[in-house]
Amino acid sequence: MHFTPANLQSSFHRYLEPQTTGRVLQAIFRDEQHFSHHPVLPATPAFSDEGAANHTRLGGEYGEPGVHLFVYGRQAFGDVRSGAREPQRYPARQTLEASQAVARQHGLTEAQTVFAQQHPDAIDAGVFHNDVIAVGNGPVLLYHEMAFLDEERTLDELHAKMATPLIPVRVPVEAVSMEDAVASYLFNSQLLSNRDGTMTLVVPGECQEREAVWRTIQDLILAGNNPIGKVIVKDVKQSMRNGGGPACLRLRVVLSEAERAALSGRVLLDDGLYDDLTAWVNRHYRDCLAPDDLADPQLAEESLAALDELTQLLKIGPVYPFQLG
């Protein structure tokens, strides 16, 4: 199993994260017999990498080989691919070169990978990551008509390389506009497999509030010829207002029994860990925070104390810079 933290170089406040993220992953997935960790890509515009937000693994059962769909917004070097163009309003945060580098680090072959350019008009409409315009699970790819610049080629490559037949679920722009797609975060949903072979779509409450989106879910997705048979609506407004929907929890690390047994730390959620984390929040989180508080040195001291206790609670050891001396 391979890990590469995204360099997140497009945003300064996120560029601060990758090194710590890498240490957290190495602390949890420590056993070198089962887990391989790779360095963050060079933090330059040519290798701009936003990670799993622009990657979808498609296939049959989770434990079987699959095909990796890497979506990029621009190409930095070489001859630009035929028909490629770049967004004009917002920056493209993922490069083809970054996606190809991650694929190489993870040992993926040409037969296991598809590289598709995100539609620049979608980026200019506010689709900063592919997970705002498409979601995949198993053989199902739920996507908006404007997700890919070359939709036909992308689907043809996936059909050709997947051992399990691809099940594309296409939402046309006539059904859901780009504005509604971004505002509702329909495609930033979770698509989960059920034991009976069907799938459940978990969407934010904003989908129910937009008539065209809710109608599409009922008439096109649930009533369509695909495994999606149920929708669950969740109120995630606080996350939505910070730019994140259900897909913020989409990253899955599928483990065999041996890999699960090789995990380090106390990181699998159970009732005891839930209670301990809840108590930790109640001890350390202020019940309100104002801009002026950011100038209070005590807030920094409180934050470091909370993080230090958290790593002890999870038994992952020192991972934050202040803990490393």
C-alpha atoms as a PDB file:
ATOM      1  CA  MET A   1       0.000   0.000   0.000  1.00  0.00           C
ATOM      2  CA  HIS A   2       1.436   3.345  -1.100  1.00  0.00           C
ATOM      3  CA  PHE A   3       1.137   6.849   0.367  1.00  0.00           C
ATOM      4  CA  THR A   4       2.119  10.243  -1.056  1.00  0.00           C
ATOM      5  CA  PRO A   5       0.996  13.388   0.803  1.00  0.00           C
ATOM      6  CA  ALA A   6      -0.218  16.144  -1.534  1.00  0.00           C
ATOM      7  CA  ASN A   7       2.071  19.191  -1.633  1.00  0.00           C
ATOM      8  CA  LEU A   8      -0.914  21.634  -1.713  1.00  0.00           C
ATOM      9  CA  GLN A   9       1.432  24.312  -3.059  1.00  0.00           C
ATOM     10  CA  SER A  10      -1.409  26.322  -4.647  1.00  0.00           C
ATOM     11  CA  SER A  11      -2.470  27.719  -1.253  1.00  0.00           C
ATOM     12  CA  PHE A  12       0.007  29.047   1.303  1.00  0.00           C
ATOM     13  CA  HIS A  13      -2.087  28.110   4.349  1.00  0.00           C
ATOM     14  CA  ARG A  14      -2.415  24.523   3.044  1.00  0.00           C
ATOM     15  CA  TYR A  15       1.206  24.264   1.916  1.00  0.00           C
ATOM     16  CA  LEU A  16       2.050  24.218   5.633  1.00  0.00           C
ATOM     17  CA  GLU A  17       0.366  20.803   6.034  1.00  0.00           C
ATOM     18  CA  PRO A  18       2.156  18.110   3.950  1.00  0.00           C
ATOM     19  CA  GLN A  19       5.182  17.371   6.145  1.00  0.00           C
ATOM     20  CA  THR A  20       3.041  16.859   9.232  1.00  0.00           C
ATOM     21  CA  THR A  21       0.523  14.849   7.219  1.00  0.00           C
ATOM     22  CA  GLY A  22       3.340  12.578   6.070  1.00  0.00           C
ATOM     23  CA  ARG A  23       4.536  12.029   9.647  1.00  0.00           C
ATOM     24  CA  VAL A  24       0.990  11.194  10.782  1.00  0.00           C
ATOM     25  CA  LEU A  25       0.596   8.638   7.992  1.00  0.00           C
ATOM     26  CA  GLN A  26       3.976   7.087   8.739  1.00  0.00           C
ATOM     27  CA  ALA A  27       3.118   6.874  12.444  1.00  0.00           C
ATOM     28  CA  ILE A  28      -0.127   5.006  11.756  1.00  0.00           C
ATOM     29  CA  PHE A  29       0.981   2.898   8.771  1.00  0.00           C
ATOM     30  CA  ARG A  30       4.413   2.126  10.175  1.00  0.00           C
ATOM     31  CA  ASP A  31       5.009  -1.492   9.209  1.00  0.00           C
ATOM     32  CA  GLU A  32       7.352  -1.456   6.192  1.00  0.00           C
ATOM     33  CA  GLN A  33       6.274  -4.978   5.253  1.00  0.00           C
ATOM     34  CA  HIS A  34       2.840  -3.664   4.308  1.00  0.00           C
ATOM     35  CA  PHE A  35       3.126   0.108   3.776  1.00  0.00           C
ATOM     36  CA  SER A  36       5.345   2.266   1.559  1.00  0.00           C
ATOM     37  CA  HIS A  37       5.655   6.032   2.031  1.00  0.00           C
ATOM     38  CA  HIS A  38       6.827   8.385  -0.699  1.00  0.00           C
ATOM     39  CA  PRO A  39       8.084  11.980  -0.513  1.00  0.00           C
ATOM     40  CA  VAL A  40       5.906  14.984  -1.235  1.00  0.00           C
ATOM     41  CA  LEU A  41       6.332  16.186  -4.817  1.00  0.00           C
ATOM     42  CA  PRO A  42       8.475  19.317  -5.318  1.00  0.00           C
ATOM     43  CA  ALA A  43       6.441  22.341  -4.244  1.00  0.00           C
ATOM     44  CA  THR A  44       6.599  24.140  -7.589  1.00  0.00           C
ATOM     45  CA  PRO A  45       3.775  25.185  -9.949  1.00  0.00           C
ATOM     46  CA  ALA A  46       4.839  22.471 -12.400  1.00  0.00           C
ATOM     47  CA  PHE A  47       4.098  19.750  -9.822  1.00  0.00           C
ATOM     48  CA  SER A  48       1.052  21.323  -8.204  1.00  0.00           C
ATOM     49  CA  ASP A  49      -0.678  18.442  -6.427  1.00  0.00           C
ATOM     50  CA  GLU A  50      -3.993  18.466  -4.549  1.00  0.00           C
ATOM     51  CA  GLY A  51      -4.009  14.746  -3.821  1.00  0.00           C
ATOM     52  CA  ALA A  52      -7.024  12.470  -3.532  1.00  0.00           C
ATOM     53  CA  ALA A  53      -9.445  15.277  -4.445  1.00  0.00           C
ATOM     54  CA  ASN A  54      -8.396  14.694  -8.067  1.00  0.00           C
ATOM     55  CA  HIS A  55      -8.106  10.902  -7.972  1.00  0.00           C
ATOM     56  CA  THR A  56     -10.727   8.163  -8.241  1.00  0.00           C
ATOM     57  CA  ARG A  57     -10.118   4.417  -8.096  1.00  0.00           C
ATOM     58  CA  LEU A  58     -12.624   2.403 -10.136  1.00  0.00           C
ATOM     59  CA  GLY A  59     -13.056  -1.363 -10.382  1.00  0.00           C
ATOM     60  CA  GLY A  60     -14.899  -4.333  -8.946  1.00  0.00           C
ATOM     61  CA  GLU A  61     -14.415  -5.487  -5.370  1.00  0.00           C
ATOM     62  CA  TYR A  62     -12.173  -3.290  -3.238  1.00  0.00           C
ATOM     63  CA  GLY A  63      -9.528  -5.975  -2.869  1.00  0.00           C
ATOM     64  CA  GLU A  64      -9.277  -6.563  -6.630  1.00  0.00           C
ATOM     65  CA  PRO A  65      -7.040  -4.632  -9.045  1.00  0.00           C
ATOM     66  CA  GLY A  66      -8.609  -1.414 -10.263  1.00  0.00           C
ATOM     67  CA  VAL A  67      -8.045   1.502 -12.624  1.00  0.00           C
ATOM     68  CA  HIS A  68      -6.914   4.863 -11.294  1.00  0.00           C
ATOM     69  CA  LEU A  69      -8.499   7.978 -12.805  1.00  0.00           C
ATOM     70  CA  PHE A  70      -6.234  11.008 -12.325  1.00  0.00           C
ATOM     71  CA  VAL A  71      -7.804  14.360 -13.214  1.00  0.00           C
ATOM     72  CA  TYR A  72      -5.657  17.432 -13.864  1.00  0.00           C
ATOM     73  CA  GLY A  73      -6.341  21.046 -14.775  1.00  0.00           C
ATOM     74  CA  ARG A  74      -3.277  21.959 -16.809  1.00  0.00           C
ATOM     75  CA  GLN A  75      -0.082  20.621 -18.329  1.00  0.00           C
ATOM     76  CA  ALA A  76       3.219  22.240 -17.380  1.00  0.00           C
ATOM     77  CA  PHE A  77       5.786  20.721 -19.768  1.00  0.00           C
ATOM     78  CA  GLY A  78       6.076  19.243 -23.229  1.00  0.00           C
ATOM     79  CA  ASP A  79       3.588  19.282 -26.059  1.00  0.00           C
ATOM     80  CA  VAL A  80       0.172  20.231 -24.755  1.00  0.00           C
ATOM     81  CA  ARG A  81      -2.320  17.452 -25.367  1.00  0.00           C
ATOM     82  CA  SER A  82      -4.639  17.865 -28.327  1.00  0.00           C
ATOM     83  CA  GLY A  83      -7.615  20.070 -27.534  1.00  0.00           C
ATOM     84  CA  ALA A  84      -6.239  21.077 -24.130  1.00  0.00           C
ATOM     85  CA  ARG A  85      -6.846  24.582 -22.841  1.00  0.00           C
ATOM     86  CA  GLU A  86      -6.649  26.207 -19.438  1.00  0.00           C
ATOM     87  CA  PRO A  87      -9.150  28.077 -17.239  1.00  0.00           C
ATOM     88  CA  GLN A  88      -9.126  31.863 -17.406  1.00  0.00           C
ATOM     89  CA  ARG A  89     -10.791  32.895 -14.135  1.00  0.00           C
ATOM     90  CA  TYR A  90      -9.400  30.531 -11.496  1.00  0.00           C
ATOM     91  CA  PRO A  91      -6.083  28.668 -11.330  1.00  0.00           C
ATOM     92  CA  ALA A  92      -5.833  24.993 -12.174  1.00  0.00           C
ATOM     93  CA  ARG A  93      -4.470  23.433  -8.981  1.00  0.00           C
ATOM     94  CA  GLN A  94      -3.470  20.036 -10.382  1.00  0.00           C
ATOM     95  CA  THR A  95      -0.958  19.410 -13.165  1.00  0.00           C
ATOM     96  CA  LEU A  96      -0.684  16.397 -15.421  1.00  0.00           C
ATOM     97  CA  GLU A  97       2.954  16.075 -14.400  1.00  0.00           C
ATOM     98  CA  ALA A  98       2.049  15.816 -10.712  1.00  0.00           C
ATOM     99  CA  SER A  99      -0.529  13.112 -11.400  1.00  0.00           C
ATOM    100  CA  GLN A 100       1.948  11.154 -13.522  1.00  0.00           C
ATOM    101  CA  ALA A 101       4.637  11.454 -10.831  1.00  0.00           C
ATOM    102  CA  VAL A 102       2.335  10.070  -8.133  1.00  0.00           C
ATOM    103  CA  ALA A 103       1.357   7.189 -10.423  1.00  0.00           C
ATOM    104  CA  ARG A 104       5.049   6.375 -10.975  1.00  0.00           C
ATOM    105  CA  GLN A 105       5.838   6.530  -7.244  1.00  0.00           C
ATOM    106  CA  HIS A 106       2.995   4.121  -6.555  1.00  0.00           C
ATOM    107  CA  GLY A 107       4.152   1.645  -9.189  1.00  0.00           C
ATOM    108  CA  LEU A 108       1.072   1.981 -11.388  1.00  0.00           C
ATOM    109  CA  THR A 109       1.329   0.846 -15.006  1.00  0.00           C
ATOM    110  CA  GLU A 110      -0.164   2.437 -18.098  1.00  0.00           C
ATOM    111  CA  ALA A 111      -2.837  -0.267 -18.086  1.00  0.00           C
ATOM    112  CA  GLN A 112      -3.914   0.812 -14.594  1.00  0.00           C
ATOM    113  CA  THR A 113      -4.127   4.558 -15.175  1.00  0.00           C
ATOM    114  CA  VAL A 114      -6.246   7.086 -17.049  1.00  0.00           C
ATOM    115  CA  PHE A 115      -5.286  10.778 -17.114  1.00  0.00           C
ATOM    116  CA  ALA A 116      -8.116  13.152 -17.957  1.00  0.00           C
ATOM    117  CA  GLN A 117      -8.172  16.936 -18.121  1.00  0.00           C
ATOM    118  CA  GLN A 118     -10.838  18.643 -16.058  1.00  0.00           C
ATOM    119  CA  HIS A 119     -13.016  20.947 -18.132  1.00  0.00           C
ATOM    120  CA  PRO A 120     -11.581  24.472 -17.795  1.00  0.00           C
ATOM    121  CA  ASP A 121     -15.087  25.958 -17.860  1.00  0.00           C
ATOM    122  CA  ALA A 122     -15.904  23.890 -14.792  1.00  0.00           C
ATOM    123  CA  ILE A 123     -12.834  25.238 -12.975  1.00  0.00           C
ATOM    124  CA  ASP A 124     -13.874  28.785 -13.894  1.00  0.00           C
ATOM    125  CA  ALA A 125     -17.327  28.013 -12.484  1.00  0.00           C
ATOM    126  CA  GLY A 126     -15.787  27.217  -9.092  1.00  0.00           C
ATOM    127  CA  VAL A 127     -14.963  23.512  -9.438  1.00  0.00           C
ATOM    128  CA  PHE A 128     -11.502  23.699  -7.871  1.00  0.00           C
ATOM    129  CA  HIS A 129     -11.220  19.906  -7.441  1.00  0.00           C
ATOM    130  CA  ASN A 130     -12.578  16.989  -9.442  1.00  0.00           C
ATOM    131  CA  ASP A 131     -14.433  15.762  -6.344  1.00  0.00           C
ATOM    132  CA  VAL A 132     -16.772  18.757  -6.774  1.00  0.00           C
ATOM    133  CA  ILE A 133     -17.913  17.496 -10.187  1.00  0.00           C
ATOM    134  CA  ALA A 134     -17.537  13.674 -10.065  1.00  0.00           C
ATOM    135  CA  VAL A 135     -17.635  10.795  -7.590  1.00  0.00           C
ATOM    136  CA  GLY A 136     -16.764   7.150  -8.159  1.00  0.00           C
ATOM    137  CA  ASN A 137     -17.173   3.923  -6.213  1.00  0.00           C
ATOM    138  CA  GLY A 138     -16.537   0.421  -7.503  1.00  0.00           C
ATOM    139  CA  PRO A 139     -17.582   0.377 -11.172  1.00  0.00           C
ATOM    140  CA  VAL A 140     -19.860   3.441 -10.848  1.00  0.00           C
ATOM    141  CA  LEU A 141     -18.761   6.904 -11.980  1.00  0.00           C
ATOM    142  CA  LEU A 142     -21.334   9.618 -11.210  1.00  0.00           C
ATOM    143  CA  TYR A 143     -20.288  12.758 -13.048  1.00  0.00           C
ATOM    144  CA  HIS A 144     -21.517  16.008 -14.551  1.00  0.00           C
ATOM    145  CA  GLU A 145     -21.466  16.554 -18.296  1.00  0.00           C
ATOM    146  CA  MET A 146     -18.886  19.333 -17.791  1.00  0.00           C
ATOM    147  CA  ALA A 147     -16.524  17.247 -15.650  1.00  0.00           C
ATOM    148  CA  PHE A 148     -13.988  16.350 -18.355  1.00  0.00           C
ATOM    149  CA  LEU A 149     -12.695  18.312 -21.323  1.00  0.00           C
ATOM    150  CA  ASP A 150     -12.728  15.179 -23.485  1.00  0.00           C
ATOM    151  CA  GLU A 151     -15.586  13.171 -22.019  1.00  0.00           C
ATOM    152  CA  GLU A 152     -15.697  10.579 -24.800  1.00  0.00           C
ATOM    153  CA  ARG A 153     -11.992   9.751 -24.678  1.00  0.00           C
ATOM    154  CA  THR A 154     -12.035   9.534 -20.876  1.00  0.00           C
ATOM    155  CA  LEU A 155     -14.916   7.053 -20.852  1.00  0.00           C
ATOM    156  CA  ASP A 156     -13.435   5.035 -23.733  1.00  0.00           C
ATOM    157  CA  GLU A 157     -10.136   4.614 -21.848  1.00  0.00           C
ATOM    158  CA  LEU A 158     -11.914   3.588 -18.659  1.00  0.00           C
ATOM    159  CA  HIS A 159     -14.070   1.074 -20.557  1.00  0.00           C
ATOM    160  CA  ALA A 160     -10.973  -0.377 -22.248  1.00  0.00           C
ATOM    161  CA  LYS A 161      -8.839  -0.725 -19.110  1.00  0.00           C
ATOM    162  CA  MET A 162     -11.370  -1.827 -16.482  1.00  0.00           C
ATOM    163  CA  ALA A 163     -11.835  -5.563 -15.945  1.00  0.00           C
ATOM    164  CA  THR A 164     -15.283  -4.877 -14.453  1.00  0.00           C
ATOM    165  CA  PRO A 165     -17.611  -3.012 -16.850  1.00  0.00           C
ATOM    166  CA  LEU A 166     -17.776   0.699 -16.099  1.00  0.00           C
ATOM    167  CA  ILE A 167     -21.207   2.036 -15.101  1.00  0.00           C
ATOM    168  CA  PRO A 168     -21.217   5.754 -16.021  1.00  0.00           C
ATOM    169  CA  VAL A 169     -24.032   7.871 -14.568  1.00  0.00           C
ATOM    170  CA  ARG A 170     -24.028  11.129 -16.528  1.00  0.00           C
ATOM    171  CA  VAL A 171     -25.844  14.244 -15.315  1.00  0.00           C
ATOM    172  CA  PRO A 172     -26.415  16.644 -18.229  1.00  0.00           C
ATOM    173  CA  VAL A 173     -26.166  20.391 -17.863  1.00  0.00           C
ATOM    174  CA  GLU A 174     -29.836  20.652 -18.839  1.00  0.00           C
ATOM    175  CA  ALA A 175     -30.726  18.780 -15.638  1.00  0.00           C
ATOM    176  CA  VAL A 176     -28.236  20.437 -13.267  1.00  0.00           C
ATOM    177  CA  SER A 177     -26.525  23.702 -14.140  1.00  0.00           C
ATOM    178  CA  MET A 178     -22.931  24.346 -13.175  1.00  0.00           C
ATOM    179  CA  GLU A 179     -24.174  26.891 -10.635  1.00  0.00           C
ATOM    180  CA  ASP A 180     -26.442  24.309  -8.998  1.00  0.00           C
ATOM    181  CA  ALA A 181     -23.726  21.647  -9.088  1.00  0.00           C
ATOM    182  CA  VAL A 182     -21.281  23.891  -7.211  1.00  0.00           C
ATOM    183  CA  ALA A 183     -23.832  25.351  -4.781  1.00  0.00           C
ATOM    184  CA  SER A 184     -25.379  21.983  -3.871  1.00  0.00           C
ATOM    185  CA  TYR A 185     -22.164  19.916  -3.845  1.00  0.00           C
ATOM    186  CA  LEU A 186     -24.116  17.036  -5.391  1.00  0.00           C
ATOM    187  CA  PHE A 187     -20.918  15.467  -6.709  1.00  0.00           C
ATOM    188  CA  ASN A 188     -19.029  16.151  -3.485  1.00  0.00           C
ATOM    189  CA  SER A 189     -21.126  13.374  -1.996  1.00  0.00           C
ATOM    190  CA  GLN A 190     -20.195   9.972  -0.627  1.00  0.00           C
ATOM    191  CA  LEU A 191     -21.047   6.890  -2.687  1.00  0.00           C
ATOM    192  CA  LEU A 192     -21.077   3.837  -0.445  1.00  0.00           C
ATOM    193  CA  SER A 193     -21.448   0.124  -1.206  1.00  0.00           C
ATOM    194  CA  ASN A 194     -24.118  -1.917   0.591  1.00  0.00           C
ATOM    195  CA  ARG A 195     -23.878  -5.620   1.376  1.00  0.00           C
ATOM    196  CA  ASP A 196     -26.613  -6.476  -1.134  1.00  0.00           C
ATOM    197  CA  GLY A 197     -24.645  -4.969  -4.049  1.00  0.00           C
ATOM    198  CA  THR A 198     -26.542  -1.692  -4.189  1.00  0.00           C
ATOM    199  CA  MET A 199     -25.097   1.705  -3.352  1.00  0.00           C
ATOM    200  CA  THR A 200     -26.151   4.616  -1.162  1.00  0.00           C
ATOM    201  CA  LEU A 201     -25.538   8.249  -2.067  1.00  0.00           C
ATOM    202  CA  VAL A 202     -24.893  10.516   0.936  1.00  0.00           C
ATOM    203  CA  VAL A 203     -25.522  14.152  -0.009  1.00  0.00           C
ATOM    204  CA  PRO A 204     -25.484  17.488   1.834  1.00  0.00           C
ATOM    205  CA  GLY A 205     -28.801  19.154   2.718  1.00  0.00           C
ATOM    206  CA  GLU A 206     -28.214  21.778   0.025  1.00  0.00           C
ATOM    207  CA  CYS A 207     -29.127  19.134  -2.580  1.00  0.00           C
ATOM    208  CA  GLN A 208     -32.630  18.901  -1.148  1.00  0.00           C
ATOM    209  CA  GLU A 209     -32.979  22.681  -1.149  1.00  0.00           C
ATOM    210  CA  ARG A 210     -32.314  23.000  -4.895  1.00  0.00           C
ATOM    211  CA  GLU A 211     -35.311  21.765  -6.901  1.00  0.00           C
ATOM    212  CA  ALA A 212     -33.382  20.823 -10.046  1.00  0.00           C
ATOM    213  CA  VAL A 213     -30.771  18.882  -8.076  1.00  0.00           C
ATOM    214  CA  TRP A 214     -33.294  17.024  -5.939  1.00  0.00           C
ATOM    215  CA  ARG A 215     -35.370  16.144  -8.999  1.00  0.00           C
ATOM    216  CA  THR A 216     -32.257  14.834 -10.749  1.00  0.00           C
ATOM    217  CA  ILE A 217     -31.398  12.640  -7.767  1.00  0.00           C
ATOM    218  CA  GLN A 218     -34.894  11.126  -7.827  1.00  0.00           C
ATOM    219  CA  ASP A 219     -35.497  10.875 -11.584  1.00  0.00           C
ATOM    220  CA  LEU A 220     -32.058  10.272 -13.073  1.00  0.00           C
ATOM    221  CA  ILE A 221     -29.884   8.751 -10.378  1.00  0.00           C
ATOM    222  CA  LEU A 222     -32.194   6.669  -8.181  1.00  0.00           C
ATOM    223  CA  ALA A 223     -34.500   5.662 -11.051  1.00  0.00           C
ATOM    224  CA  GLY A 224     -31.653   5.058 -13.492  1.00  0.00           C
ATOM    225  CA  ASN A 225     -30.030   1.838 -14.645  1.00  0.00           C
ATOM    226  CA  ASN A 226     -27.308   1.775 -11.998  1.00  0.00           C
ATOM    227  CA  PRO A 227     -26.681   0.314  -8.505  1.00  0.00           C
ATOM    228  CA  ILE A 228     -27.515   3.576  -6.672  1.00  0.00           C
ATOM    229  CA  GLY A 229     -30.768   2.774  -4.896  1.00  0.00           C
ATOM    230  CA  LYS A 230     -30.874   5.048  -1.867  1.00  0.00           C
ATOM    231  CA  VAL A 231     -30.050   8.626  -0.902  1.00  0.00           C
ATOM    232  CA  ILE A 232     -29.265   9.902   2.588  1.00  0.00           C
ATOM    233  CA  VAL A 233     -29.328  13.642   3.298  1.00  0.00           C
ATOM    234  CA  LYS A 234     -27.001  15.073   5.953  1.00  0.00           C
ATOM    235  CA  ASP A 235     -26.783  18.587   7.380  1.00  0.00           C
ATOM    236  CA  VAL A 236     -23.133  19.581   6.956  1.00  0.00           C
ATOM    237  CA  LYS A 237     -23.660  23.334   6.674  1.00  0.00           C
ATOM    238  CA  GLN A 238     -20.701  24.220   8.900  1.00  0.00           C
ATOM    239  CA  SER A 239     -18.404  22.214   6.659  1.00  0.00           C
ATOM    240  CA  MET A 240     -20.052  23.574   3.501  1.00  0.00           C
ATOM    241  CA  ARG A 241     -19.459  27.148   4.627  1.00  0.00           C
ATOM    242  CA  ASN A 242     -15.783  26.312   4.970  1.00  0.00           C
ATOM    243  CA  GLY A 243     -15.593  24.859   1.470  1.00  0.00           C
ATOM    244  CA  GLY A 244     -16.110  21.182   2.264  1.00  0.00           C
ATOM    245  CA  GLY A 245     -18.930  18.661   1.869  1.00  0.00           C
ATOM    246  CA  PRO A 246     -19.332  14.925   2.501  1.00  0.00           C
ATOM    247  CA  ALA A 247     -16.349  14.174   0.229  1.00  0.00           C
ATOM    248  CA  CYS A 248     -14.020  15.524   2.918  1.00  0.00           C
ATOM    249  CA  LEU A 249     -14.382  12.029   4.420  1.00  0.00           C
ATOM    250  CA  ARG A 250     -14.192  10.188   1.096  1.00  0.00           C
ATOM    251  CA  LEU A 251     -10.591   8.962   1.282  1.00  0.00           C
ATOM    252  CA  ARG A 252     -10.664   5.236   1.994  1.00  0.00           C
ATOM    253  CA  VAL A 253      -7.785   2.998   2.947  1.00  0.00           C
ATOM    254  CA  VAL A 254      -8.956  -0.544   2.286  1.00  0.00           C
ATOM    255  CA  LEU A 255      -7.049  -2.992   4.483  1.00  0.00           C
ATOM    256  CA  SER A 256      -6.576  -6.729   4.431  1.00  0.00           C
ATOM    257  CA  GLU A 257      -6.679  -8.514   7.786  1.00  0.00           C
ATOM    258  CA  ALA A 258      -2.878  -8.581   7.887  1.00  0.00           C
ATOM    259  CA  GLU A 259      -2.632  -4.850   7.101  1.00  0.00           C
ATOM    260  CA  ARG A 260      -5.263  -4.008   9.698  1.00  0.00           C
ATOM    261  CA  ALA A 261      -3.314  -5.987  12.299  1.00  0.00           C
ATOM    262  CA  ALA A 262      -0.160  -4.060  11.316  1.00  0.00           C
ATOM    263  CA  LEU A 263      -1.634  -0.632  12.141  1.00  0.00           C
ATOM    264  CA  SER A 264       0.100   1.363  14.847  1.00  0.00           C
ATOM    265  CA  GLY A 265      -1.540   3.627  17.371  1.00  0.00           C
ATOM    266  CA  ARG A 266      -5.067   3.826  18.673  1.00  0.00           C
ATOM    267  CA  VAL A 267      -6.741   5.005  15.473  1.00  0.00           C
ATOM    268  CA  LEU A 268      -9.749   2.751  14.810  1.00  0.00           C
ATOM    269  CA  LEU A 269     -12.883   4.402  16.167  1.00  0.00           C
ATOM    270  CA  ASP A 270     -14.835   2.557  18.846  1.00  0.00           C
ATOM    271  CA  ASP A 271     -17.022   3.689  21.738  1.00  0.00           C
ATOM    272  CA  GLY A 272     -14.072   4.113  24.079  1.00  0.00           C
ATOM    273  CA  LEU A 273     -12.051   6.233  21.662  1.00  0.00           C
ATOM    274  CA  TYR A 274     -15.135   8.292  20.791  1.00  0.00           C
ATOM    275  CA  ASP A 275     -15.694   9.064  24.481  1.00  0.00           C
ATOM    276  CA  ASP A 276     -12.045   9.989  24.990  1.00  0.00           C
ATOM    277  CA  LEU A 277     -12.011  12.282  21.930  1.00  0.00           C
ATOM    278  CA  THR A 278     -15.230  13.972  23.041  1.00  0.00           C
ATOM    279  CA  ALA A 279     -13.745  14.625  26.475  1.00  0.00           C
ATOM    280  CA  TRP A 280     -10.573  15.958  24.834  1.00  0.00           C
ATOM    281  CA  VAL A 281     -12.623  18.431  22.768  1.00  0.00           C
ATOM    282  CA  ASN A 282     -14.540  19.572  25.848  1.00  0.00           C
ATOM    283  CA  ARG A 283     -11.293  20.133  27.733  1.00  0.00           C
ATOM    284  CA  HIS A 284      -9.441  22.076  25.078  1.00  0.00           C
ATOM    285  CA  TYR A 285     -11.809  23.792  22.635  1.00  0.00           C
ATOM    286  CA  ARG A 286     -12.895  27.333  23.439  1.00  0.00           C
ATOM    287  CA  ASP A 287     -16.673  27.733  23.133  1.00  0.00           C
ATOM    288  CA  CYS A 288     -16.194  30.934  21.104  1.00  0.00           C
ATOM    289  CA  LEU A 289     -13.370  32.505  19.138  1.00  0.00           C
ATOM    290  CA  ALA A 290     -13.081  36.115  17.965  1.00  0.00           C
ATOM    291  CA  PRO A 291     -10.491  37.641  15.606  1.00  0.00           C
ATOM    292  CA  ASP A 292      -8.815  39.454  18.509  1.00  0.00           C
ATOM    293  CA  ASP A 293      -8.171  36.092  20.177  1.00  0.00           C
ATOM    294  CA  LEU A 294      -5.648  35.300  17.447  1.00  0.00           C
ATOM    295  CA  ALA A 295      -3.294  37.832  19.052  1.00  0.00           C
ATOM    296  CA  ASP A 296      -3.529  36.095  22.432  1.00  0.00           C
ATOM    297  CA  PRO A 297      -0.381  34.030  23.158  1.00  0.00           C
ATOM    298  CA  GLN A 298      -2.455  31.877  25.481  1.00  0.00           C
ATOM    299  CA  LEU A 299      -4.447  30.600  22.481  1.00  0.00           C
ATOM    300  CA  ALA A 300      -1.235  29.298  20.943  1.00  0.00           C
ATOM    301  CA  GLU A 301      -0.246  27.635  24.228  1.00  0.00           C
ATOM    302  CA  GLU A 302      -3.682  26.036  24.524  1.00  0.00           C
ATOM    303  CA  SER A 303      -3.505  24.758  20.939  1.00  0.00           C
ATOM    304  CA  LEU A 304      -0.091  23.153  21.392  1.00  0.00           C
ATOM    305  CA  ALA A 305      -1.162  21.542  24.659  1.00  0.00           C
ATOM    306  CA  ALA A 306      -4.268  20.128  22.963  1.00  0.00           C
ATOM    307  CA  LEU A 307      -2.260  18.679  20.064  1.00  0.00           C
ATOM    308  CA  ASP A 308       0.322  17.182  22.413  1.00  0.00           C
ATOM    309  CA  GLU A 309      -2.412  15.439  24.392  1.00  0.00           C
ATOM    310  CA  LEU A 310      -4.102  14.257  21.196  1.00  0.00           C
ATOM    311  CA  THR A 311      -1.012  12.440  19.950  1.00  0.00           C
ATOM    312  CA  GLN A 312      -0.720  10.742  23.330  1.00  0.00           C
ATOM    313  CA  LEU A 313      -4.390   9.778  23.288  1.00  0.00           C
ATOM    314  CA  LEU A 314      -3.996   8.270  19.802  1.00  0.00           C
ATOM    315  CA  LYS A 315      -0.621   6.716  20.710  1.00  0.00           C
ATOM    316  CA  ILE A 316       1.060   7.863  17.505  1.00  0.00           C
ATOM    317  CA  GLY A 317       4.059   9.597  19.059  1.00  0.00           C
ATOM    318  CA  PRO A 318       5.487  13.020  18.148  1.00  0.00           C
ATOM    319  CA  VAL A 319       4.391  14.245  14.702  1.00  0.00           C
ATOM    320  CA  TYR A 320       4.050  18.036  15.042  1.00  0.00           C
ATOM    321  CA  PRO A 321       7.072  20.343  14.606  1.00  0.00           C
ATOM    322  CA  PHE A 322       6.901  21.643  18.180  1.00  0.00           C
ATOM    323  CA  GLN A 323       7.117  18.048  19.440  1.00  0.00           C
ATOM    324  CA  LEU A 324      10.234  17.304  17.397  1.00  0.00           C
ATOM    325  CA  GLY A 325      12.403  19.893  19.134  1.00  0.00           C
END
